[in-house]
Amino acid sequence: MTRSAAIPFPLFLAVSIFLCSCRAAAQSDIPKEALNDPPGIIETKMDLVLYGIIGSNTDYFLNGKKVNDFRDLKSLIYPLHDAEASQLIRDAEDSDFAASMFFAGGTVAGVYFALAYKPMPFVGVDFIDRINTGLFAAQFLWAPSFVFGTISGVKKFNAVKRYNDLIKGEDNAGIDLKPRVFAARGGGGFGLECDF
């Protein structure tokens, strides 16, 4: 009987979290002069696929240059000294970080369970059954990743909307999605609460 050497799961998870938190500092697409100029309106272009309608898949442009990066958006929003817009962009960045952590954790869990445990026979082919086992394990962390990613996109959209309203001198409302855990007869659940 052979014994397989498995990497301890906590070590595997710690390495993945470390790698995700050490994001490389990419150069901004916006020239520094553009950020120092008088602020302009940030244009939004939505991809209206499945969830793009609520702002989670939106690209932002300032003077024809893409400004999706949180550092660029913060460098535009913070000088306005607006507490609401600043809080929205911080919350969006925090939710984005949580989404990436859940996604990385789900990926690590999926790989770990696929390699370390004997899979349930589904098709009867070992590698296909291992892939199915890995995907089954990963989905429990990928689902919260999707929720936090959507929340991040909505908050980023609201921050940009607030920024544009301040630049135009207008004040309008936005939408907000919050995760919600609830108890009900026969069990609990996980859902989203939407505020307008």
Protein backbone atom coordinates (compact mmCIF):
# COMPACT_ATOMS: atom_id res chain seq x y z
CA MET A 1 0.00 0.00 0.00
CA THR A 2 1.44 3.37 -0.99
CA ARG A 3 1.01 6.48 1.01
CA SER A 4 0.70 9.85 -0.67
CA ALA A 5 2.41 12.89 0.81
CA ALA A 6 -0.08 15.67 1.20
CA ILE A 7 0.73 19.28 1.93
CA PRO A 8 -1.02 20.38 5.14
CA PHE A 9 -4.09 22.39 4.16
CA PRO A 10 -3.40 25.36 6.51
CA LEU A 11 0.07 25.80 4.99
CA PHE A 12 -1.37 25.57 1.47
CA LEU A 13 -4.03 28.17 2.35
CA ALA A 14 -1.53 30.49 4.05
CA VAL A 15 0.72 30.48 0.97
CA SER A 16 -2.21 31.30 -1.33
CA ILE A 17 -3.38 34.15 0.90
CA PHE A 18 0.15 35.53 1.04
CA LEU A 19 0.46 35.40 -2.75
CA CYS A 20 -2.91 37.13 -3.21
CA SER A 21 -2.12 39.86 -0.70
CA CYS A 22 1.20 40.61 -2.40
CA ARG A 23 -0.39 42.10 -5.46
CA ALA A 24 2.15 43.63 -7.79
CA ALA A 25 1.95 47.40 -7.95
CA ALA A 26 1.07 47.91 -11.60
CA GLN A 27 1.69 51.25 -13.22
CA SER A 28 -1.31 53.47 -13.64
CA ASP A 29 -2.78 53.87 -17.12
CA ILE A 30 -3.44 57.55 -16.43
CA PRO A 31 -0.63 60.06 -16.88
CA LYS A 32 0.10 61.99 -13.67
CA GLU A 33 -0.72 65.25 -15.49
CA ALA A 34 -4.26 64.04 -16.11
CA LEU A 35 -4.76 63.43 -12.39
CA ASN A 36 -3.42 66.91 -11.54
CA ASP A 37 -5.61 68.69 -14.11
CA PRO A 38 -8.97 70.06 -13.04
CA PRO A 39 -11.17 67.01 -12.54
CA GLY A 40 -13.41 65.87 -15.35
CA ILE A 41 -16.39 63.59 -15.65
CA ILE A 42 -15.63 59.86 -15.47
CA GLU A 43 -17.45 58.07 -18.28
CA THR A 44 -18.94 54.65 -17.56
CA LYS A 45 -19.29 51.85 -20.06
CA MET A 46 -21.27 48.84 -18.87
CA ASP A 47 -21.05 45.34 -20.18
CA LEU A 48 -24.71 44.33 -19.99
CA VAL A 49 -24.18 40.62 -19.61
CA LEU A 50 -25.66 38.68 -16.70
CA TYR A 51 -24.78 41.02 -13.79
CA GLY A 52 -23.41 44.06 -15.61
CA ILE A 53 -26.78 45.77 -15.27
CA ILE A 54 -26.13 46.47 -11.56
CA GLY A 55 -22.70 47.96 -12.11
CA SER A 56 -20.49 45.00 -11.31
CA ASN A 57 -18.96 44.78 -14.79
CA THR A 58 -18.31 48.40 -15.65
CA ASP A 59 -15.29 50.14 -17.16
CA TYR A 60 -14.48 53.75 -16.27
CA PHE A 61 -12.74 56.29 -18.52
CA LEU A 62 -11.34 59.78 -17.84
CA ASN A 63 -10.34 61.74 -20.94
CA GLY A 64 -10.25 58.52 -22.97
CA LYS A 65 -7.96 56.68 -20.50
CA LYS A 66 -9.20 53.67 -18.53
CA VAL A 67 -9.40 54.31 -14.76
CA ASN A 68 -10.56 50.98 -13.29
CA ASP A 69 -7.72 50.77 -10.76
CA PHE A 70 -8.65 51.69 -7.18
CA ARG A 71 -5.53 53.85 -6.75
CA ASP A 72 -6.50 55.99 -9.73
CA LEU A 73 -10.09 56.33 -8.55
CA LYS A 74 -8.98 57.24 -5.01
CA SER A 75 -6.58 59.87 -6.39
CA LEU A 76 -9.58 61.46 -8.15
CA ILE A 77 -12.14 61.06 -5.34
CA TYR A 78 -10.10 61.89 -2.21
CA PRO A 79 -9.20 65.48 -3.24
CA LEU A 80 -12.95 66.31 -3.29
CA HIS A 81 -13.05 65.71 0.50
CA ASP A 82 -16.46 64.07 0.26
CA ALA A 83 -16.98 61.55 3.06
CA GLU A 84 -19.61 59.51 1.21
CA ALA A 85 -17.64 59.06 -2.02
CA SER A 86 -14.43 58.30 -0.10
CA GLN A 87 -16.18 55.71 2.06
CA LEU A 88 -17.78 54.08 -1.00
CA ILE A 89 -14.46 53.66 -2.80
CA ARG A 90 -12.81 52.28 0.37
CA ASP A 91 -15.69 49.83 0.85
CA ALA A 92 -15.42 48.80 -2.81
CA GLU A 93 -11.72 48.08 -2.44
CA ASP A 94 -12.29 46.11 0.78
CA SER A 95 -15.01 44.02 -0.88
CA ASP A 96 -12.76 43.42 -3.88
CA PHE A 97 -9.99 42.19 -1.56
CA ALA A 98 -12.45 39.89 0.26
CA ALA A 99 -13.62 38.53 -3.11
CA SER A 100 -10.05 37.75 -4.18
CA MET A 101 -9.35 36.04 -0.82
CA PHE A 102 -12.45 33.85 -1.09
CA PHE A 103 -11.61 33.00 -4.70
CA ALA A 104 -8.02 32.09 -3.83
CA GLY A 105 -9.17 30.07 -0.83
CA GLY A 106 -11.72 28.24 -2.96
CA THR A 107 -9.13 27.47 -5.61
CA VAL A 108 -6.69 26.18 -2.99
CA ALA A 109 -9.41 24.12 -1.30
CA GLY A 110 -10.46 22.66 -4.65
CA VAL A 111 -6.92 21.65 -5.59
CA TYR A 112 -6.27 20.29 -2.10
CA PHE A 113 -9.40 18.16 -1.95
CA ALA A 114 -8.85 16.92 -5.50
CA LEU A 115 -5.31 15.78 -4.71
CA ALA A 116 -5.48 14.74 -1.05
CA TYR A 117 -8.73 12.77 -0.87
CA LYS A 118 -10.01 9.75 -2.69
CA PRO A 119 -12.82 11.06 -4.90
CA MET A 120 -16.36 9.76 -4.90
CA PRO A 121 -16.86 7.65 -8.03
CA PHE A 122 -18.93 9.81 -10.36
CA VAL A 123 -17.84 8.86 -13.85
CA GLY A 124 -15.43 6.08 -12.93
CA VAL A 125 -12.38 7.82 -14.41
CA ASP A 126 -10.03 8.85 -11.59
CA PHE A 127 -8.88 12.24 -12.91
CA ILE A 128 -12.43 13.32 -13.89
CA ASP A 129 -13.73 12.30 -10.47
CA ARG A 130 -10.90 14.26 -8.81
CA ILE A 131 -11.76 17.35 -10.87
CA ASN A 132 -15.41 17.01 -9.84
CA THR A 133 -14.40 16.66 -6.18
CA GLY A 134 -12.18 19.74 -6.45
CA LEU A 135 -14.90 21.81 -8.11
CA PHE A 136 -17.43 20.71 -5.51
CA ALA A 137 -15.11 21.79 -2.67
CA ALA A 138 -14.17 25.08 -4.36
CA GLN A 139 -17.73 26.24 -4.94
CA PHE A 140 -18.30 26.84 -1.21
CA LEU A 141 -15.76 29.67 -1.27
CA TRP A 142 -16.29 30.78 -4.87
CA ALA A 143 -19.93 31.66 -4.13
CA PRO A 144 -19.03 34.27 -1.45
CA SER A 145 -16.29 35.50 -3.80
CA PHE A 146 -18.92 36.19 -6.44
CA VAL A 147 -21.14 37.99 -3.89
CA PHE A 148 -18.30 40.21 -2.63
CA GLY A 149 -17.15 40.89 -6.21
CA THR A 150 -20.65 42.07 -7.11
CA ILE A 151 -20.82 44.25 -4.00
CA SER A 152 -17.42 45.73 -4.89
CA GLY A 153 -18.59 46.58 -8.41
CA VAL A 154 -21.77 48.23 -7.12
CA LYS A 155 -19.91 50.32 -4.54
CA LYS A 156 -17.30 51.36 -7.11
CA PHE A 157 -20.09 52.38 -9.49
CA ASN A 158 -21.78 54.40 -6.71
CA ALA A 159 -18.48 56.07 -5.80
CA VAL A 160 -17.91 57.12 -9.42
CA LYS A 161 -21.54 58.27 -9.68
CA ARG A 162 -21.12 60.35 -6.52
CA TYR A 163 -17.85 61.79 -7.90
CA ASN A 164 -19.54 62.76 -11.17
CA ASP A 165 -22.49 64.32 -9.30
CA LEU A 166 -20.10 66.41 -7.18
CA ILE A 167 -18.19 67.56 -10.26
CA LYS A 168 -21.48 68.51 -11.97
CA GLY A 169 -22.86 70.06 -8.79
CA GLU A 170 -25.77 67.58 -8.58
CA ASP A 171 -26.87 65.20 -5.84
CA ASN A 172 -28.52 61.90 -6.83
CA ALA A 173 -29.19 58.53 -5.19
CA GLY A 174 -27.55 55.19 -5.93
CA ILE A 175 -27.99 51.51 -5.17
CA ASP A 176 -26.31 49.39 -2.51
CA LEU A 177 -26.09 45.61 -2.09
CA LYS A 178 -25.32 44.04 1.30
CA PRO A 179 -24.91 40.35 2.11
CA ARG A 180 -27.45 39.12 4.65
CA VAL A 181 -27.60 35.92 6.68
CA PHE A 182 -31.04 35.02 7.98
CA ALA A 183 -32.78 32.32 9.97
CA ALA A 184 -36.09 30.87 8.84
CA ARG A 185 -38.32 27.97 9.68
CA GLY A 186 -36.59 24.81 8.57
CA GLY A 187 -33.10 26.36 8.38
CA GLY A 188 -31.17 29.49 7.56
CA GLY A 189 -30.09 31.16 4.39
CA PHE A 190 -27.80 33.64 2.72
CA GLY A 191 -29.07 36.45 0.53
CA LEU A 192 -28.59 40.03 -0.62
CA GLU A 193 -30.32 43.14 0.65
CA CYS A 194 -30.70 45.94 -1.88
CA ASP A 195 -31.04 49.59 -0.83
CA PHE A 196 -31.96 52.36 -3.27
